[in-house]
Amino acid sequence: MMRNIDAADLGINPEDMEELLRGEAWKAAPGKKRGHRQWRRIDQHIGAPISFIKEVCLMTGGRADLIVALCIFRRVCVCDSWTVTLPNAELASLDVDLRCKQKALTRLQHAGLIRVKNRAGHSARMTLLWRPPPSDGDDI
């Protein structure tokens, strides 16, 4: 069953979402034209495949769940590992406190998107279980 996700229902400004989806959140490097494919990232950029975002939205509920999932996805990419830790400081800048983080991790785990391993005296380690859908073979 496929459900359409409305950005406004997620608490996201629809114009901001459209801008991000069109890629206008990327800026050309100074002195370079857009056609040269030399771009610089905006500070604190978080991105994920649309299929990942849709699955998180369909299988969980709430803003904190999506933020935590996106931060986990970002850490997986940055650390080049499917198992990562998620520092509270990264979420604090997005107004997600420790209690919200724990609830979101529980919901993401129940949805089958992550596995959480806790050890006394150590940071929890999350393994992202979601995998990208297979490509259709039309690589450019």
C-alpha atoms as a PDB file:
ATOM      1  CA  MET A   1       0.000   0.000   0.000  1.00  0.00           C
ATOM      2  CA  MET A   2       1.478   3.321  -1.057  1.00  0.00           C
ATOM      3  CA  ARG A   3       0.565   6.486   0.806  1.00  0.00           C
ATOM      4  CA  ASN A   4       1.313  10.010  -0.362  1.00  0.00           C
ATOM      5  CA  ILE A   5       3.270  12.045   2.151  1.00  0.00           C
ATOM      6  CA  ASP A   6       2.402  15.719   2.433  1.00  0.00           C
ATOM      7  CA  ALA A   7       5.356  17.845   3.596  1.00  0.00           C
ATOM      8  CA  ALA A   8       3.007  20.083   5.583  1.00  0.00           C
ATOM      9  CA  ASP A   9       1.759  17.051   7.549  1.00  0.00           C
ATOM     10  CA  LEU A  10       5.359  16.421   8.625  1.00  0.00           C
ATOM     11  CA  GLY A  11       5.805  19.985   9.841  1.00  0.00           C
ATOM     12  CA  ILE A  12       7.992  20.901   6.872  1.00  0.00           C
ATOM     13  CA  ASN A  13       7.438  24.071   4.876  1.00  0.00           C
ATOM     14  CA  PRO A  14       6.310  22.812   1.418  1.00  0.00           C
ATOM     15  CA  GLU A  15       8.340  25.511  -0.383  1.00  0.00           C
ATOM     16  CA  ASP A  16      11.487  24.472   1.505  1.00  0.00           C
ATOM     17  CA  MET A  17      10.851  20.825   0.647  1.00  0.00           C
ATOM     18  CA  GLU A  18      10.364  21.628  -3.047  1.00  0.00           C
ATOM     19  CA  GLU A  19      13.574  23.676  -3.033  1.00  0.00           C
ATOM     20  CA  LEU A  20      15.514  20.815  -1.450  1.00  0.00           C
ATOM     21  CA  LEU A  21      14.079  18.254  -3.851  1.00  0.00           C
ATOM     22  CA  ARG A  22      14.988  20.433  -6.843  1.00  0.00           C
ATOM     23  CA  GLY A  23      18.546  20.685  -5.509  1.00  0.00           C
ATOM     24  CA  GLU A  24      18.468  24.439  -5.078  1.00  0.00           C
ATOM     25  CA  ALA A  25      19.867  24.067  -1.568  1.00  0.00           C
ATOM     26  CA  TRP A  26      23.235  23.536  -3.260  1.00  0.00           C
ATOM     27  CA  LYS A  27      25.196  26.608  -4.211  1.00  0.00           C
ATOM     28  CA  ALA A  28      27.756  26.957  -6.970  1.00  0.00           C
ATOM     29  CA  ALA A  29      31.313  27.481  -5.814  1.00  0.00           C
ATOM     30  CA  PRO A  30      32.453  31.109  -6.117  1.00  0.00           C
ATOM     31  CA  GLY A  31      33.442  31.948  -9.666  1.00  0.00           C
ATOM     32  CA  LYS A  32      32.078  28.681 -11.080  1.00  0.00           C
ATOM     33  CA  LYS A  33      29.087  28.186 -13.307  1.00  0.00           C
ATOM     34  CA  ARG A  34      26.418  25.654 -12.394  1.00  0.00           C
ATOM     35  CA  GLY A  35      27.188  23.624 -15.527  1.00  0.00           C
ATOM     36  CA  HIS A  36      30.708  22.818 -14.343  1.00  0.00           C
ATOM     37  CA  ARG A  37      29.391  20.495 -11.608  1.00  0.00           C
ATOM     38  CA  GLN A  38      31.644  22.055  -9.000  1.00  0.00           C
ATOM     39  CA  TRP A  39      29.420  22.580  -6.010  1.00  0.00           C
ATOM     40  CA  ARG A  40      29.974  23.267  -2.381  1.00  0.00           C
ATOM     41  CA  ARG A  41      27.726  21.969   0.363  1.00  0.00           C
ATOM     42  CA  ILE A  42      25.721  24.118   2.694  1.00  0.00           C
ATOM     43  CA  ASP A  43      26.895  23.763   6.290  1.00  0.00           C
ATOM     44  CA  GLN A  44      25.253  20.964   8.264  1.00  0.00           C
ATOM     45  CA  HIS A  45      23.651  19.284   5.273  1.00  0.00           C
ATOM     46  CA  ILE A  46      21.627  16.098   5.911  1.00  0.00           C
ATOM     47  CA  GLY A  47      20.367  14.114   2.962  1.00  0.00           C
ATOM     48  CA  ALA A  48      18.977  10.665   2.268  1.00  0.00           C
ATOM     49  CA  PRO A  49      17.345   8.818  -0.598  1.00  0.00           C
ATOM     50  CA  ILE A  50      13.683   9.657  -1.068  1.00  0.00           C
ATOM     51  CA  SER A  51      12.865   5.939  -0.716  1.00  0.00           C
ATOM     52  CA  PHE A  52      14.434   5.957   2.772  1.00  0.00           C
ATOM     53  CA  ILE A  53      12.515   9.074   3.834  1.00  0.00           C
ATOM     54  CA  LYS A  54       9.230   7.627   2.517  1.00  0.00           C
ATOM     55  CA  GLU A  55       9.760   4.347   4.359  1.00  0.00           C
ATOM     56  CA  VAL A  56      10.557   6.111   7.636  1.00  0.00           C
ATOM     57  CA  CYS A  57       7.459   8.302   7.275  1.00  0.00           C
ATOM     58  CA  LEU A  58       5.213   5.350   6.455  1.00  0.00           C
ATOM     59  CA  MET A  59       6.500   3.082   9.225  1.00  0.00           C
ATOM     60  CA  THR A  60       6.852   5.582  12.083  1.00  0.00           C
ATOM     61  CA  GLY A  61       5.141   8.738  13.196  1.00  0.00           C
ATOM     62  CA  GLY A  62       6.440  12.071  14.249  1.00  0.00           C
ATOM     63  CA  ARG A  63       9.079  14.627  13.547  1.00  0.00           C
ATOM     64  CA  ALA A  64      11.642  13.222  15.994  1.00  0.00           C
ATOM     65  CA  ASP A  65      11.560   9.785  14.314  1.00  0.00           C
ATOM     66  CA  LEU A  66      12.395  11.315  10.936  1.00  0.00           C
ATOM     67  CA  ILE A  67      15.137  13.540  12.374  1.00  0.00           C
ATOM     68  CA  VAL A  68      16.761  10.635  14.239  1.00  0.00           C
ATOM     69  CA  ALA A  69      16.526   8.392  11.150  1.00  0.00           C
ATOM     70  CA  LEU A  70      18.106  11.078   8.942  1.00  0.00           C
ATOM     71  CA  CYS A  71      20.909  11.625  11.455  1.00  0.00           C
ATOM     72  CA  ILE A  72      21.578   7.880  11.616  1.00  0.00           C
ATOM     73  CA  PHE A  73      21.627   7.717   7.801  1.00  0.00           C
ATOM     74  CA  ARG A  74      24.062  10.651   7.714  1.00  0.00           C
ATOM     75  CA  ARG A  75      26.371   8.956  10.247  1.00  0.00           C
ATOM     76  CA  VAL A  76      26.267   5.723   8.220  1.00  0.00           C
ATOM     77  CA  CYS A  77      27.454   7.663   5.159  1.00  0.00           C
ATOM     78  CA  VAL A  78      30.064   9.727   7.016  1.00  0.00           C
ATOM     79  CA  CYS A  79      31.467   6.773   8.996  1.00  0.00           C
ATOM     80  CA  ASP A  80      31.208   4.364   6.033  1.00  0.00           C
ATOM     81  CA  SER A  81      29.677   1.715   8.304  1.00  0.00           C
ATOM     82  CA  TRP A  82      26.160   0.356   8.743  1.00  0.00           C
ATOM     83  CA  THR A  83      26.689   0.424  12.549  1.00  0.00           C
ATOM     84  CA  VAL A  84      27.190   3.825  14.169  1.00  0.00           C
ATOM     85  CA  THR A  85      26.714   5.808  17.354  1.00  0.00           C
ATOM     86  CA  LEU A  86      24.540   8.902  17.458  1.00  0.00           C
ATOM     87  CA  PRO A  87      25.868  11.694  19.684  1.00  0.00           C
ATOM     88  CA  ASN A  88      23.219  13.635  21.585  1.00  0.00           C
ATOM     89  CA  ALA A  89      24.862  16.914  20.517  1.00  0.00           C
ATOM     90  CA  GLU A  90      23.936  16.294  16.865  1.00  0.00           C
ATOM     91  CA  LEU A  91      20.295  15.962  17.822  1.00  0.00           C
ATOM     92  CA  ALA A  92      20.318  18.809  20.347  1.00  0.00           C
ATOM     93  CA  SER A  93      20.944  21.311  17.544  1.00  0.00           C
ATOM     94  CA  LEU A  94      17.717  19.990  15.966  1.00  0.00           C
ATOM     95  CA  ASP A  95      15.722  20.324  19.225  1.00  0.00           C
ATOM     96  CA  VAL A  96      15.598  16.562  19.874  1.00  0.00           C
ATOM     97  CA  ASP A  97      16.449  15.819  23.512  1.00  0.00           C
ATOM     98  CA  LEU A  98      17.608  12.507  25.006  1.00  0.00           C
ATOM     99  CA  ARG A  99      14.055  11.383  25.888  1.00  0.00           C
ATOM    100  CA  CYS A 100      12.804  12.037  22.335  1.00  0.00           C
ATOM    101  CA  LYS A 101      15.880  10.295  20.913  1.00  0.00           C
ATOM    102  CA  GLN A 102      15.234   7.177  22.997  1.00  0.00           C
ATOM    103  CA  LYS A 103      11.559   7.050  22.013  1.00  0.00           C
ATOM    104  CA  ALA A 104      12.442   7.539  18.348  1.00  0.00           C
ATOM    105  CA  LEU A 105      15.079   4.794  18.482  1.00  0.00           C
ATOM    106  CA  THR A 106      12.501   2.432  20.011  1.00  0.00           C
ATOM    107  CA  ARG A 107       9.966   3.225  17.259  1.00  0.00           C
ATOM    108  CA  LEU A 108      12.573   2.866  14.495  1.00  0.00           C
ATOM    109  CA  GLN A 109      13.647  -0.470  15.964  1.00  0.00           C
ATOM    110  CA  HIS A 110      10.037  -1.729  16.198  1.00  0.00           C
ATOM    111  CA  ALA A 111       9.536  -0.672  12.558  1.00  0.00           C
ATOM    112  CA  GLY A 112      12.491  -2.876  11.587  1.00  0.00           C
ATOM    113  CA  LEU A 113      14.581  -0.006  10.236  1.00  0.00           C
ATOM    114  CA  ILE A 114      17.392  -0.217  12.811  1.00  0.00           C
ATOM    115  CA  ARG A 115      18.803  -2.520  15.477  1.00  0.00           C
ATOM    116  CA  VAL A 116      20.030  -0.955  18.728  1.00  0.00           C
ATOM    117  CA  LYS A 117      22.699  -2.547  20.891  1.00  0.00           C
ATOM    118  CA  ASN A 118      23.202  -1.094  24.382  1.00  0.00           C
ATOM    119  CA  ARG A 119      26.225  -1.807  26.573  1.00  0.00           C
ATOM    120  CA  ALA A 120      26.677  -0.488  30.095  1.00  0.00           C
ATOM    121  CA  GLY A 121      29.090   2.436  30.125  1.00  0.00           C
ATOM    122  CA  HIS A 122      29.173   2.768  26.329  1.00  0.00           C
ATOM    123  CA  SER A 123      27.191   4.705  23.753  1.00  0.00           C
ATOM    124  CA  ALA A 124      24.360   2.794  22.113  1.00  0.00           C
ATOM    125  CA  ARG A 125      25.254   1.466  18.680  1.00  0.00           C
ATOM    126  CA  MET A 126      22.647   1.537  15.927  1.00  0.00           C
ATOM    127  CA  THR A 127      22.777  -0.694  12.868  1.00  0.00           C
ATOM    128  CA  LEU A 128      20.794   0.594   9.906  1.00  0.00           C
ATOM    129  CA  LEU A 129      18.836  -2.375   8.538  1.00  0.00           C
ATOM    130  CA  TRP A 130      17.245  -0.452   5.648  1.00  0.00           C
ATOM    131  CA  ARG A 131      19.012  -1.019   2.350  1.00  0.00           C
ATOM    132  CA  PRO A 132      18.591   0.916  -0.897  1.00  0.00           C
ATOM    133  CA  PRO A 133      16.288  -0.711  -3.439  1.00  0.00           C
ATOM    134  CA  PRO A 134      18.173  -2.462  -6.254  1.00  0.00           C
ATOM    135  CA  SER A 135      18.946  -0.208  -9.186  1.00  0.00           C
ATOM    136  CA  ASP A 136      17.199  -0.833 -12.469  1.00  0.00           C
ATOM    137  CA  GLY A 137      20.522  -1.130 -14.273  1.00  0.00           C
ATOM    138  CA  ASP A 138      20.190   2.190 -16.100  1.00  0.00           C
ATOM    139  CA  ASP A 139      23.442   3.677 -14.786  1.00  0.00           C
ATOM    140  CA  ILE A 140      24.477   6.791 -16.630  1.00  0.00           C
END
